[in-house]
């Protein structure tokens, strides 16, 4: 059962920042809600996909953000022998079966697959 939901608003405009916090009566209810949000095509509101995660302590969030930045920095490092920066061709690519693909329509996925195939052909 849900205890409350709080939408985070910008203090100067009073408009939503696009995030919210919810509190459940029990840990079991929270875990069930997380599992339901991750199942199938994920949680959606008014047709828009929602990112759902459990809250963490501020210190853990800061560490996770630093780890994410470091991983992104490592990803940007050119592989040895890559003089043309071909590793960048895959940057931002989302194909079926990959993380984030469930949020895209079938038509969008097909369009991305065709563009990727065309890009690979040109770079070969």
PDB file of N, CA and C in Angstrom:
ATOM      1  N   UNK A   1       0.838  -1.177   0.000  1.00  0.00           N
ATOM      2  CA  UNK A   1       0.000   0.000   0.000  1.00  0.00           C
ATOM      3  C   UNK A   1       0.887   1.246   0.000  1.00  0.00           C
ATOM      4  N   UNK A   2       0.453   2.236  -0.693  1.00  0.00           N
ATOM      5  CA  UNK A   2       1.189   3.485  -0.815  1.00  0.00           C
ATOM      6  C   UNK A   2       0.886   4.396   0.376  1.00  0.00           C
ATOM      7  N   UNK A   3       1.937   4.924   1.012  1.00  0.00           N
ATOM      8  CA  UNK A   3       1.746   5.850   2.125  1.00  0.00           C
ATOM      9  C   UNK A   3       1.598   7.279   1.593  1.00  0.00           C
ATOM     10  N   UNK A   4       2.523   7.704   0.701  1.00  0.00           N
ATOM     11  CA  UNK A   4       2.405   9.029   0.080  1.00  0.00           C
ATOM     12  C   UNK A   4       3.277   9.089  -1.168  1.00  0.00           C
ATOM     13  N   UNK A   5       3.021  10.094  -1.999  1.00  0.00           N
ATOM     14  CA  UNK A   5       3.853  10.391  -3.169  1.00  0.00           C
ATOM     15  C   UNK A   5       4.132  11.884  -3.148  1.00  0.00           C
ATOM     16  N   UNK A   6       5.385  12.261  -3.416  1.00  0.00           N
ATOM     17  CA  UNK A   6       5.773  13.669  -3.392  1.00  0.00           C
ATOM     18  C   UNK A   6       6.469  14.016  -4.703  1.00  0.00           C
ATOM     19  N   UNK A   7       5.905  14.958  -5.442  1.00  0.00           N
ATOM     20  CA  UNK A   7       6.499  15.428  -6.688  1.00  0.00           C
ATOM     21  C   UNK A   7       7.511  16.510  -6.343  1.00  0.00           C
ATOM     22  N   UNK A   8       8.696  16.425  -6.915  1.00  0.00           N
ATOM     23  CA  UNK A   8       9.745  17.412  -6.675  1.00  0.00           C
ATOM     24  C   UNK A   8       9.509  18.590  -7.612  1.00  0.00           C
ATOM     25  N   UNK A   9       9.377  19.791  -7.024  1.00  0.00           N
ATOM     26  CA  UNK A   9       9.101  20.996  -7.811  1.00  0.00           C
ATOM     27  C   UNK A   9      10.267  21.969  -7.724  1.00  0.00           C
ATOM     28  N   UNK A  10      10.460  22.737  -8.785  1.00  0.00           N
ATOM     29  CA  UNK A  10      11.461  23.791  -8.811  1.00  0.00           C
ATOM     30  C   UNK A  10      10.977  24.920  -7.904  1.00  0.00           C
ATOM     31  N   UNK A  11      11.793  25.363  -6.953  1.00  0.00           N
ATOM     32  CA  UNK A  11      11.314  26.394  -6.021  1.00  0.00           C
ATOM     33  C   UNK A  11      11.027  27.745  -6.673  1.00  0.00           C
ATOM     34  N   UNK A  12      11.726  28.075  -7.746  1.00  0.00           N
ATOM     35  CA  UNK A  12      11.519  29.388  -8.355  1.00  0.00           C
ATOM     36  C   UNK A  12      10.302  29.421  -9.276  1.00  0.00           C
ATOM     37  N   UNK A  13      10.014  28.295  -9.965  1.00  0.00           N
ATOM     38  CA  UNK A  13       8.881  28.292 -10.897  1.00  0.00           C
ATOM     39  C   UNK A  13       7.661  27.568 -10.367  1.00  0.00           C
ATOM     40  N   UNK A  14       7.889  26.664  -9.410  1.00  0.00           N
ATOM     41  CA  UNK A  14       6.783  25.867  -8.895  1.00  0.00           C
ATOM     42  C   UNK A  14       6.400  24.719  -9.813  1.00  0.00           C
ATOM     43  N   UNK A  15       7.138  24.550 -10.932  1.00  0.00           N
ATOM     44  CA  UNK A  15       6.853  23.472 -11.877  1.00  0.00           C
ATOM     45  C   UNK A  15       7.599  22.206 -11.473  1.00  0.00           C
ATOM     46  N   UNK A  16       7.071  21.074 -11.896  1.00  0.00           N
ATOM     47  CA  UNK A  16       7.688  19.794 -11.595  1.00  0.00           C
ATOM     48  C   UNK A  16       9.066  19.698 -12.228  1.00  0.00           C
ATOM     49  N   UNK A  17       9.987  19.076 -11.521  1.00  0.00           N
ATOM     50  CA  UNK A  17      11.322  18.819 -12.066  1.00  0.00           C
ATOM     51  C   UNK A  17      11.365  17.488 -12.808  1.00  0.00           C
ATOM     52  N   UNK A  18      10.262  16.794 -12.822  1.00  0.00           N
ATOM     53  CA  UNK A  18      10.203  15.521 -13.523  1.00  0.00           C
ATOM     54  C   UNK A  18      10.571  14.326 -12.674  1.00  0.00           C
ATOM     55  N   UNK A  19      10.699  14.533 -11.370  1.00  0.00           N
ATOM     56  CA  UNK A  19      10.987  13.425 -10.468  1.00  0.00           C
ATOM     57  C   UNK A  19      10.001  13.444  -9.309  1.00  0.00           C
ATOM     58  N   UNK A  20       9.901  12.306  -8.663  1.00  0.00           N
ATOM     59  CA  UNK A  20       9.016  12.193  -7.514  1.00  0.00           C
ATOM     60  C   UNK A  20       9.529  11.102  -6.585  1.00  0.00           C
ATOM     61  N   UNK A  21       9.092  11.155  -5.360  1.00  0.00           N
ATOM     62  CA  UNK A  21       9.416  10.134  -4.376  1.00  0.00           C
ATOM     63  C   UNK A  21       8.105   9.549  -3.865  1.00  0.00           C
ATOM     64  N   UNK A  22       8.102   8.237  -3.698  1.00  0.00           N
ATOM     65  CA  UNK A  22       6.924   7.590  -3.118  1.00  0.00           C
ATOM     66  C   UNK A  22       7.371   6.784  -1.900  1.00  0.00           C
ATOM     67  N   UNK A  23       6.500   6.698  -0.947  1.00  0.00           N
ATOM     68  CA  UNK A  23       6.767   5.932   0.275  1.00  0.00           C
ATOM     69  C   UNK A  23       5.676   4.884   0.410  1.00  0.00           C
ATOM     70  N   UNK A  24       6.085   3.661   0.648  1.00  0.00           N
ATOM     71  CA  UNK A  24       5.145   2.561   0.794  1.00  0.00           C
ATOM     72  C   UNK A  24       5.008   2.197   2.264  1.00  0.00           C
ATOM     73  N   UNK A  25       3.914   1.574   2.585  1.00  0.00           N
ATOM     74  CA  UNK A  25       3.651   1.137   3.954  1.00  0.00           C
ATOM     75  C   UNK A  25       4.647   0.058   4.392  1.00  0.00           C
ATOM     76  N   UNK A  26       5.063  -0.787   3.455  1.00  0.00           N
ATOM     77  CA  UNK A  26       5.983  -1.867   3.809  1.00  0.00           C
ATOM     78  C   UNK A  26       7.032  -2.043   2.722  1.00  0.00           C
ATOM     79  N   UNK A  27       8.125  -2.665   3.110  1.00  0.00           N
ATOM     80  CA  UNK A  27       9.206  -2.954   2.168  1.00  0.00           C
ATOM     81  C   UNK A  27       8.726  -3.923   1.087  1.00  0.00           C
ATOM     82  N   UNK A  28       7.845  -4.844   1.461  1.00  0.00           N
ATOM     83  CA  UNK A  28       7.323  -5.814   0.494  1.00  0.00           C
ATOM     84  C   UNK A  28       6.524  -5.103  -0.599  1.00  0.00           C
ATOM     85  N   UNK A  29       5.746  -4.087  -0.217  1.00  0.00           N
ATOM     86  CA  UNK A  29       4.981  -3.323  -1.205  1.00  0.00           C
ATOM     87  C   UNK A  29       5.917  -2.579  -2.152  1.00  0.00           C
ATOM     88  N   UNK A  30       6.986  -2.018  -1.610  1.00  0.00           N
ATOM     89  CA  UNK A  30       7.955  -1.287  -2.434  1.00  0.00           C
ATOM     90  C   UNK A  30       8.643  -2.234  -3.414  1.00  0.00           C
ATOM     91  N   UNK A  31       9.047  -3.401  -2.939  1.00  0.00           N
ATOM     92  CA  UNK A  31       9.715  -4.368  -3.806  1.00  0.00           C
ATOM     93  C   UNK A  31       8.771  -4.869  -4.900  1.00  0.00           C
ATOM     94  N   UNK A  32       7.507  -5.069  -4.570  1.00  0.00           N
ATOM     95  CA  UNK A  32       6.525  -5.497  -5.566  1.00  0.00           C
ATOM     96  C   UNK A  32       6.333  -4.420  -6.636  1.00  0.00           C
ATOM     97  N   UNK A  33       6.305  -3.157  -6.234  1.00  0.00           N
ATOM     98  CA  UNK A  33       6.151  -2.052  -7.182  1.00  0.00           C
ATOM     99  C   UNK A  33       7.368  -1.953  -8.095  1.00  0.00           C
ATOM    100  N   UNK A  34       8.578  -2.118  -7.540  1.00  0.00           N
ATOM    101  CA  UNK A  34       9.795  -2.096  -8.359  1.00  0.00           C
ATOM    102  C   UNK A  34       9.803  -3.239  -9.354  1.00  0.00           C
ATOM    103  N   UNK A  35       9.420  -4.429  -8.915  1.00  0.00           N
ATOM    104  CA  UNK A  35       9.391  -5.588  -9.806  1.00  0.00           C
ATOM    105  C   UNK A  35       8.375  -5.381 -10.922  1.00  0.00           C
ATOM    106  N   UNK A  36       7.211  -4.831 -10.599  1.00  0.00           N
ATOM    107  CA  UNK A  36       6.189  -4.580 -11.612  1.00  0.00           C
ATOM    108  C   UNK A  36       6.654  -3.536 -12.616  1.00  0.00           C
ATOM    109  N   UNK A  37       7.382  -2.525 -12.151  1.00  0.00           N
ATOM    110  CA  UNK A  37       7.868  -1.474 -13.046  1.00  0.00           C
ATOM    111  C   UNK A  37       8.936  -1.992 -13.996  1.00  0.00           C
ATOM    112  N   UNK A  38       9.696  -2.990 -13.548  1.00  0.00           N
ATOM    113  CA  UNK A  38      10.772  -3.540 -14.387  1.00  0.00           C
ATOM    114  C   UNK A  38      10.276  -4.646 -15.305  1.00  0.00           C
ATOM    115  N   UNK A  39       9.092  -5.145 -15.076  1.00  0.00           N
ATOM    116  CA  UNK A  39       8.545  -6.240 -15.888  1.00  0.00           C
ATOM    117  C   UNK A  39       7.960  -5.697 -17.186  1.00  0.00           C
ATOM    118  N   UNK A  40       7.968  -6.518 -18.211  1.00  0.00           N
ATOM    119  CA  UNK A  40       7.352  -6.146 -19.487  1.00  0.00           C
ATOM    120  C   UNK A  40       7.989  -4.921 -20.098  1.00  0.00           C
ATOM    121  N   UNK A  41       7.168  -3.986 -20.513  1.00  0.00           N
ATOM    122  CA  UNK A  41       7.686  -2.777 -21.160  1.00  0.00           C
ATOM    123  C   UNK A  41       7.976  -1.674 -20.143  1.00  0.00           C
ATOM    124  N   UNK A  42       7.885  -1.968 -18.869  1.00  0.00           N
ATOM    125  CA  UNK A  42       8.209  -0.992 -17.839  1.00  0.00           C
ATOM    126  C   UNK A  42       7.026  -0.125 -17.476  1.00  0.00           C
ATOM    127  N   UNK A  43       7.270   0.771 -16.538  1.00  0.00           N
ATOM    128  CA  UNK A  43       6.215   1.670 -16.071  1.00  0.00           C
ATOM    129  C   UNK A  43       6.039   2.817 -17.053  1.00  0.00           C
ATOM    130  N   UNK A  44       4.792   3.204 -17.281  1.00  0.00           N
ATOM    131  CA  UNK A  44       4.482   4.299 -18.191  1.00  0.00           C
ATOM    132  C   UNK A  44       3.404   5.174 -17.556  1.00  0.00           C
ATOM    133  N   UNK A  45       3.452   6.463 -17.870  1.00  0.00           N
ATOM    134  CA  UNK A  45       2.425   7.390 -17.416  1.00  0.00           C
ATOM    135  C   UNK A  45       2.053   8.271 -18.599  1.00  0.00           C
ATOM    136  N   UNK A  46       0.786   8.235 -18.965  1.00  0.00           N
ATOM    137  CA  UNK A  46       0.290   8.999 -20.111  1.00  0.00           C
ATOM    138  C   UNK A  46       1.102   8.697 -21.365  1.00  0.00           C
ATOM    139  N   UNK A  47       1.525   7.432 -21.502  1.00  0.00           N
ATOM    140  CA  UNK A  47       2.271   6.999 -22.676  1.00  0.00           C
ATOM    141  C   UNK A  47       3.765   7.235 -22.601  1.00  0.00           C
ATOM    142  N   UNK A  48       4.241   7.908 -21.564  1.00  0.00           N
ATOM    143  CA  UNK A  48       5.664   8.200 -21.429  1.00  0.00           C
ATOM    144  C   UNK A  48       6.319   7.171 -20.516  1.00  0.00           C
ATOM    145  N   UNK A  49       7.503   6.679 -20.886  1.00  0.00           N
ATOM    146  CA  UNK A  49       8.190   5.709 -20.025  1.00  0.00           C
ATOM    147  C   UNK A  49       8.699   6.385 -18.751  1.00  0.00           C
ATOM    148  N   UNK A  50       8.625   5.652 -17.653  1.00  0.00           N
ATOM    149  CA  UNK A  50       9.107   6.148 -16.367  1.00  0.00           C
ATOM    150  C   UNK A  50      10.357   5.380 -15.967  1.00  0.00           C
ATOM    151  N   UNK A  51      11.316   6.068 -15.391  1.00  0.00           N
ATOM    152  CA  UNK A  51      12.479   5.418 -14.809  1.00  0.00           C
ATOM    153  C   UNK A  51      12.171   5.223 -13.336  1.00  0.00           C
ATOM    154  N   UNK A  52      12.184   3.979 -12.892  1.00  0.00           N
ATOM    155  CA  UNK A  52      11.829   3.655 -11.519  1.00  0.00           C
ATOM    156  C   UNK A  52      13.034   3.006 -10.854  1.00  0.00           C
ATOM    157  N   UNK A  53      13.420   3.534  -9.701  1.00  0.00           N
ATOM    158  CA  UNK A  53      14.525   2.953  -8.941  1.00  0.00           C
ATOM    159  C   UNK A  53      14.272   3.170  -7.458  1.00  0.00           C
ATOM    160  N   UNK A  54      14.971   2.396  -6.647  1.00  0.00           N
ATOM    161  CA  UNK A  54      14.815   2.566  -5.210  1.00  0.00           C
ATOM    162  C   UNK A  54      15.732   3.702  -4.748  1.00  0.00           C
ATOM    163  N   UNK A  55      15.331   4.383  -3.705  1.00  0.00           N
ATOM    164  CA  UNK A  55      16.101   5.497  -3.172  1.00  0.00           C
ATOM    165  C   UNK A  55      17.350   4.975  -2.469  1.00  0.00           C
ATOM    166  N   UNK A  56      18.404   5.785  -2.499  1.00  0.00           N
ATOM    167  CA  UNK A  56      19.647   5.441  -1.819  1.00  0.00           C
ATOM    168  C   UNK A  56      20.093   6.643  -0.989  1.00  0.00           C
ATOM    169  N   UNK A  57      20.983   6.405  -0.060  1.00  0.00           N
ATOM    170  CA  UNK A  57      21.529   7.487   0.752  1.00  0.00           C
ATOM    171  C   UNK A  57      22.330   8.438  -0.132  1.00  0.00           C
ATOM    172  N   UNK A  58      22.440   9.688   0.260  1.00  0.00           N
ATOM    173  CA  UNK A  58      23.130  10.707  -0.541  1.00  0.00           C
ATOM    174  C   UNK A  58      24.573  10.289  -0.855  1.00  0.00           C
ATOM    175  N   UNK A  59      25.297   9.771   0.117  1.00  0.00           N
ATOM    176  CA  UNK A  59      26.684   9.349  -0.102  1.00  0.00           C
ATOM    177  C   UNK A  59      26.787   8.260  -1.156  1.00  0.00           C
ATOM    178  N   UNK A  60      25.841   7.302  -1.110  1.00  0.00           N
ATOM    179  CA  UNK A  60      25.827   6.233  -2.104  1.00  0.00           C
ATOM    180  C   UNK A  60      25.503   6.785  -3.489  1.00  0.00           C
ATOM    181  N   UNK A  61      24.609   7.775  -3.556  1.00  0.00           N
ATOM    182  CA  UNK A  61      24.250   8.384  -4.834  1.00  0.00           C
ATOM    183  C   UNK A  61      25.432   9.137  -5.426  1.00  0.00           C
ATOM    184  N   UNK A  62      26.190   9.844  -4.591  1.00  0.00           N
ATOM    185  CA  UNK A  62      27.368  10.577  -5.059  1.00  0.00           C
ATOM    186  C   UNK A  62      28.407   9.603  -5.596  1.00  0.00           C
ATOM    187  N   UNK A  63      28.615   8.494  -4.882  1.00  0.00           N
ATOM    188  CA  UNK A  63      29.585   7.484  -5.328  1.00  0.00           C
ATOM    189  C   UNK A  63      29.131   6.839  -6.636  1.00  0.00           C
ATOM    190  N   UNK A  64      27.853   6.533  -6.758  1.00  0.00           N
ATOM    191  CA  UNK A  64      27.337   5.926  -7.988  1.00  0.00           C
ATOM    192  C   UNK A  64      27.499   6.876  -9.173  1.00  0.00           C
ATOM    193  N   UNK A  65      27.260   8.173  -8.954  1.00  0.00           N
ATOM    194  CA  UNK A  65      27.428   9.160 -10.021  1.00  0.00           C
ATOM    195  C   UNK A  65      28.886   9.257 -10.442  1.00  0.00           C
ATOM    196  N   UNK A  66      29.799   9.225  -9.474  1.00  0.00           N
ATOM    197  CA  UNK A  66      31.230   9.274  -9.789  1.00  0.00           C
ATOM    198  C   UNK A  66      31.647   8.029 -10.564  1.00  0.00           C
ATOM    199  N   UNK A  67      31.143   6.863 -10.157  1.00  0.00           N
ATOM    200  CA  UNK A  67      31.445   5.621 -10.866  1.00  0.00           C
ATOM    201  C   UNK A  67      30.931   5.671 -12.298  1.00  0.00           C
ATOM    202  N   UNK A  68      29.744   6.244 -12.483  1.00  0.00           N
ATOM    203  CA  UNK A  68      29.155   6.347 -13.820  1.00  0.00           C
ATOM    204  C   UNK A  68      29.996   7.279 -14.704  1.00  0.00           C
ATOM    205  N   UNK A  69      30.444   8.401 -14.140  1.00  0.00           N
ATOM    206  CA  UNK A  69      31.299   9.326 -14.901  1.00  0.00           C
ATOM    207  C   UNK A  69      32.606   8.655 -15.295  1.00  0.00           C
ATOM    208  N   UNK A  70      33.199   7.892 -14.381  1.00  0.00           N
ATOM    209  CA  UNK A  70      34.455   7.201 -14.669  1.00  0.00           C
ATOM    210  C   UNK A  70      34.266   6.145 -15.754  1.00  0.00           C
ATOM    211  N   UNK A  71      33.161   5.412 -15.685  1.00  0.00           N
ATOM    212  CA  UNK A  71      32.878   4.405 -16.719  1.00  0.00           C
ATOM    213  C   UNK A  71      32.699   5.072 -18.075  1.00  0.00           C
ATOM    214  N   UNK A  72      32.028   6.220 -18.099  1.00  0.00           N
ATOM    215  CA  UNK A  72      31.843   6.945 -19.364  1.00  0.00           C
ATOM    216  C   UNK A  72      33.181   7.454 -19.879  1.00  0.00           C
ATOM    217  N   UNK A  73      34.042   7.899 -18.986  1.00  0.00           N
ATOM    218  CA  UNK A  73      35.366   8.365 -19.404  1.00  0.00           C
ATOM    219  C   UNK A  73      36.176   7.214 -19.987  1.00  0.00           C
ATOM    220  N   UNK A  74      36.110   6.056 -19.354  1.00  0.00           N
ATOM    221  CA  UNK A  74      36.825   4.883 -19.862  1.00  0.00           C
ATOM    222  C   UNK A  74      36.299   4.474 -21.235  1.00  0.00           C
ATOM    223  N   UNK A  75      34.995   4.631 -21.432  1.00  0.00           N
ATOM    224  CA  UNK A  75      34.366   4.271 -22.704  1.00  0.00           C
ATOM    225  C   UNK A  75      34.850   5.182 -23.831  1.00  0.00           C
ATOM    226  N   UNK A  76      35.181   6.429 -23.496  1.00  0.00           N
ATOM    227  CA  UNK A  76      35.622   7.394 -24.503  1.00  0.00           C
ATOM    228  C   UNK A  76      37.067   7.187 -24.935  1.00  0.00           C
ATOM    229  N   UNK A  77      37.829   6.408 -24.169  1.00  0.00           N
ATOM    230  CA  UNK A  77      39.229   6.179 -24.505  1.00  0.00           C
ATOM    231  C   UNK A  77      39.297   5.371 -25.783  1.00  0.00           C
ATOM    232  N   UNK A  78      40.119   5.849 -26.736  1.00  0.00           N
ATOM    233  CA  UNK A  78      40.242   5.157 -28.020  1.00  0.00           C
ATOM    234  C   UNK A  78      40.941   3.817 -27.840  1.00  0.00           C
ATOM    235  N   UNK A  79      40.393   2.780 -28.456  1.00  0.00           N
ATOM    236  CA  UNK A  79      41.104   1.499 -28.453  1.00  0.00           C
ATOM    237  C   UNK A  79      42.428   1.654 -29.203  1.00  0.00           C
ATOM    238  N   UNK A  80      43.425   0.865 -28.828  1.00  0.00           N
ATOM    239  CA  UNK A  80      44.731   0.953 -29.466  1.00  0.00           C
ATOM    240  C   UNK A  80      44.620   0.696 -30.965  1.00  0.00           C
ATOM    241  N   UNK A  81      45.224   1.532 -31.756  1.00  0.00           N
ATOM    242  CA  UNK A  81      45.202   1.371 -33.206  1.00  0.00           C
ATOM    243  C   UNK A  81      44.003   2.031 -33.883  1.00  0.00           C
ATOM    244  N   UNK A  82      43.084   2.623 -33.127  1.00  0.00           N
ATOM    245  CA  UNK A  82      41.900   3.269 -33.711  1.00  0.00           C
ATOM    246  C   UNK A  82      42.239   4.722 -34.008  1.00  0.00           C
ATOM    247  N   UNK A  83      42.683   4.986 -35.229  1.00  0.00           N
ATOM    248  CA  UNK A  83      43.100   6.338 -35.593  1.00  0.00           C
ATOM    249  C   UNK A  83      41.928   7.192 -36.079  1.00  0.00           C
ATOM    250  N   UNK A  84      40.843   6.566 -36.499  1.00  0.00           N
ATOM    251  CA  UNK A  84      39.719   7.329 -37.043  1.00  0.00           C
ATOM    252  C   UNK A  84      38.624   7.569 -36.010  1.00  0.00           C
ATOM    253  N   UNK A  85      38.778   7.096 -34.792  1.00  0.00           N
ATOM    254  CA  UNK A  85      37.755   7.287 -33.765  1.00  0.00           C
ATOM    255  C   UNK A  85      36.505   6.467 -34.052  1.00  0.00           C
ATOM    256  N   UNK A  86      36.684   5.264 -34.605  1.00  0.00           N
ATOM    257  CA  UNK A  86      35.532   4.434 -34.962  1.00  0.00           C
ATOM    258  C   UNK A  86      34.746   3.965 -33.745  1.00  0.00           C
ATOM    259  N   UNK A  87      35.387   3.985 -32.578  1.00  0.00           N
ATOM    260  CA  UNK A  87      34.662   3.589 -31.363  1.00  0.00           C
ATOM    261  C   UNK A  87      33.505   4.549 -31.090  1.00  0.00           C
ATOM    262  N   UNK A  88      33.590   5.765 -31.613  1.00  0.00           N
ATOM    263  CA  UNK A  88      32.532   6.754 -31.399  1.00  0.00           C
ATOM    264  C   UNK A  88      31.299   6.468 -32.256  1.00  0.00           C
ATOM    265  N   UNK A  89      31.428   5.659 -33.295  1.00  0.00           N
ATOM    266  CA  UNK A  89      30.296   5.363 -34.174  1.00  0.00           C
ATOM    267  C   UNK A  89      29.188   4.646 -33.411  1.00  0.00           C
ATOM    268  N   UNK A  90      29.545   3.913 -32.385  1.00  0.00           N
ATOM    269  CA  UNK A  90      28.559   3.159 -31.612  1.00  0.00           C
ATOM    270  C   UNK A  90      27.984   3.971 -30.454  1.00  0.00           C
ATOM    271  N   UNK A  91      28.522   5.155 -30.217  1.00  0.00           N
ATOM    272  CA  UNK A  91      28.069   5.994 -29.110  1.00  0.00           C
ATOM    273  C   UNK A  91      26.590   6.347 -29.283  1.00  0.00           C
ATOM    274  N   UNK A  92      25.792   6.030 -28.284  1.00  0.00           N
ATOM    275  CA  UNK A  92      24.363   6.346 -28.324  1.00  0.00           C
ATOM    276  C   UNK A  92      23.511   5.342 -29.076  1.00  0.00           C
ATOM    277  N   UNK A  93      24.119   4.300 -29.610  1.00  0.00           N
ATOM    278  CA  UNK A  93      23.376   3.303 -30.385  1.00  0.00           C
ATOM    279  C   UNK A  93      22.545   2.413 -29.461  1.00  0.00           C
ATOM    280  N   UNK A  94      21.264   2.250 -29.793  1.00  0.00           N
ATOM    281  CA  UNK A  94      20.376   1.361 -29.051  1.00  0.00           C
ATOM    282  C   UNK A  94      19.737   0.415 -30.058  1.00  0.00           C
ATOM    283  N   UNK A  95      20.026  -0.872 -29.915  1.00  0.00           N
ATOM    284  CA  UNK A  95      19.477  -1.891 -30.803  1.00  0.00           C
ATOM    285  C   UNK A  95      18.533  -2.797 -30.012  1.00  0.00           C
ATOM    286  N   UNK A  96      17.677  -3.553 -30.701  1.00  0.00           N
ATOM    287  CA  UNK A  96      16.755  -4.454 -29.993  1.00  0.00           C
ATOM    288  C   UNK A  96      17.506  -5.391 -29.052  1.00  0.00           C
ATOM    289  N   UNK A  97      16.940  -5.575 -27.866  1.00  0.00           N
ATOM    290  CA  UNK A  97      17.532  -6.462 -26.879  1.00  0.00           C
ATOM    291  C   UNK A  97      18.504  -5.763 -25.942  1.00  0.00           C
ATOM    292  N   UNK A  98      18.873  -4.520 -26.249  1.00  0.00           N
ATOM    293  CA  UNK A  98      19.793  -3.786 -25.396  1.00  0.00           C
ATOM    294  C   UNK A  98      19.027  -2.943 -24.391  1.00  0.00           C
ATOM    295  N   UNK A  99      19.742  -2.475 -23.374  1.00  0.00           N
ATOM    296  CA  UNK A  99      19.126  -1.628 -22.361  1.00  0.00           C
ATOM    297  C   UNK A  99      18.605  -0.353 -23.018  1.00  0.00           C
ATOM    298  N   UNK A 100      17.380   0.015 -22.725  1.00  0.00           N
ATOM    299  CA  UNK A 100      16.767   1.207 -23.299  1.00  0.00           C
ATOM    300  C   UNK A 100      15.908   0.927 -24.516  1.00  0.00           C
ATOM    301  N   UNK A 101      16.065  -0.241 -25.126  1.00  0.00           N
ATOM    302  CA  UNK A 101      15.311  -0.564 -26.340  1.00  0.00           C
ATOM    303  C   UNK A 101      13.821  -0.717 -26.054  1.00  0.00           C
ATOM    304  N   UNK A 102      13.469  -1.144 -24.852  1.00  0.00           N
ATOM    305  CA  UNK A 102      12.056  -1.357 -24.531  1.00  0.00           C
ATOM    306  C   UNK A 102      11.269  -0.047 -24.513  1.00  0.00           C
ATOM    307  N   UNK A 103      11.971   1.069 -24.371  1.00  0.00           N
ATOM    308  CA  UNK A 103      11.294   2.365 -24.338  1.00  0.00           C
ATOM    309  C   UNK A 103      11.032   2.915 -25.747  1.00  0.00           C
ATOM    310  N   UNK A 104      11.573   2.251 -26.777  1.00  0.00           N
ATOM    311  CA  UNK A 104      11.424   2.733 -28.151  1.00  0.00           C
ATOM    312  C   UNK A 104      10.351   1.941 -28.883  1.00  0.00           C
ATOM    313  N   UNK A 105       9.699   2.596 -29.821  1.00  0.00           N
ATOM    314  CA  UNK A 105       8.691   1.908 -30.632  1.00  0.00           C
ATOM    315  C   UNK A 105       9.387   0.986 -31.629  1.00  0.00           C
ATOM    316  N   UNK A 106       8.646   0.033 -32.175  1.00  0.00           N
ATOM    317  CA  UNK A 106       9.192  -0.902 -33.157  1.00  0.00           C
ATOM    318  C   UNK A 106       9.683  -0.145 -34.390  1.00  0.00           C
ATOM    319  N   UNK A 107       8.932   0.858 -34.822  1.00  0.00           N
ATOM    320  CA  UNK A 107       9.327   1.647 -35.993  1.00  0.00           C
ATOM    321  C   UNK A 107      10.648   2.374 -35.730  1.00  0.00           C
ATOM    322  N   UNK A 108      10.801   2.927 -34.522  1.00  0.00           N
ATOM    323  CA  UNK A 108      12.034   3.634 -34.171  1.00  0.00           C
ATOM    324  C   UNK A 108      13.213   2.669 -34.141  1.00  0.00           C
ATOM    325  N   UNK A 109      13.008   1.464 -33.594  1.00  0.00           N
ATOM    326  CA  UNK A 109      14.080   0.469 -33.563  1.00  0.00           C
ATOM    327  C   UNK A 109      14.492   0.063 -34.974  1.00  0.00           C
ATOM    328  N   UNK A 110      13.533  -0.131 -35.850  1.00  0.00           N
ATOM    329  CA  UNK A 110      13.847  -0.490 -37.246  1.00  0.00           C
ATOM    330  C   UNK A 110      14.622   0.625 -37.936  1.00  0.00           C
ATOM    331  N   UNK A 111      14.227   1.870 -37.682  1.00  0.00           N
ATOM    332  CA  UNK A 111      14.917   3.011 -38.273  1.00  0.00           C
ATOM    333  C   UNK A 111      16.370   3.062 -37.783  1.00  0.00           C
ATOM    334  N   UNK A 112      16.579   2.803 -36.507  1.00  0.00           N
ATOM    335  CA  UNK A 112      17.929   2.824 -35.944  1.00  0.00           C
ATOM    336  C   UNK A 112      18.773   1.678 -36.489  1.00  0.00           C
ATOM    337  N   UNK A 113      18.150   0.509 -36.659  1.00  0.00           N
ATOM    338  CA  UNK A 113      18.885  -0.627 -37.228  1.00  0.00           C
ATOM    339  C   UNK A 113      19.336  -0.319 -38.654  1.00  0.00           C
ATOM    340  N   UNK A 114      18.450   0.268 -39.452  1.00  0.00           N
ATOM    341  CA  UNK A 114      18.790   0.611 -40.834  1.00  0.00           C
ATOM    342  C   UNK A 114      19.903   1.651 -40.875  1.00  0.00           C
ATOM    343  N   UNK A 115      19.834   2.647 -40.011  1.00  0.00           N
ATOM    344  CA  UNK A 115      20.867   3.684 -39.970  1.00  0.00           C
ATOM    345  C   UNK A 115      22.203   3.091 -39.536  1.00  0.00           C
ATOM    346  N   UNK A 116      22.173   2.163 -38.584  1.00  0.00           N
ATOM    347  CA  UNK A 116      23.403   1.520 -38.119  1.00  0.00           C
ATOM    348  C   UNK A 116      24.023   0.689 -39.237  1.00  0.00           C
ATOM    349  N   UNK A 117      23.202  -0.050 -39.980  1.00  0.00           N
ATOM    350  CA  UNK A 117      23.711  -0.860 -41.087  1.00  0.00           C
ATOM    351  C   UNK A 117      24.341   0.038 -42.154  1.00  0.00           C
ATOM    352  N   UNK A 118      23.694   1.152 -42.448  1.00  0.00           N
ATOM    353  CA  UNK A 118      24.210   2.096 -43.437  1.00  0.00           C
ATOM    354  C   UNK A 118      25.532   2.705 -42.950  1.00  0.00           C
ATOM    355  N   UNK A 119      25.606   3.037 -41.674  1.00  0.00           N
ATOM    356  CA  UNK A 119      26.826   3.619 -41.116  1.00  0.00           C
ATOM    357  C   UNK A 119      27.965   2.622 -41.165  1.00  0.00           C
ATOM    358  N   UNK A 120      27.693   1.359 -40.823  1.00  0.00           N
ATOM    359  CA  UNK A 120      28.740   0.323 -40.859  1.00  0.00           C
ATOM    360  C   UNK A 120      29.277   0.152 -42.280  1.00  0.00           C
ATOM    361  N   UNK A 121      28.374   0.186 -43.249  1.00  0.00           N
ATOM    362  CA  UNK A 121      28.777   0.038 -44.654  1.00  0.00           C
ATOM    363  C   UNK A 121      29.686   1.183 -45.079  1.00  0.00           C
ATOM    364  N   UNK A 122      29.347   2.396 -44.691  1.00  0.00           N
ATOM    365  CA  UNK A 122      30.153   3.555 -45.058  1.00  0.00           C
ATOM    366  C   UNK A 122      31.513   3.563 -44.388  1.00  0.00           C
ATOM    367  N   UNK A 123      31.584   3.064 -43.168  1.00  0.00           N
ATOM    368  CA  UNK A 123      32.848   3.076 -42.418  1.00  0.00           C
ATOM    369  C   UNK A 123      33.755   1.899 -42.734  1.00  0.00           C
ATOM    370  N   UNK A 124      33.228   0.917 -43.433  1.00  0.00           N
ATOM    371  CA  UNK A 124      34.039  -0.290 -43.728  1.00  0.00           C
ATOM    372  C   UNK A 124      35.162   0.010 -44.693  1.00  0.00           C
TER     373      UNK A 124
END
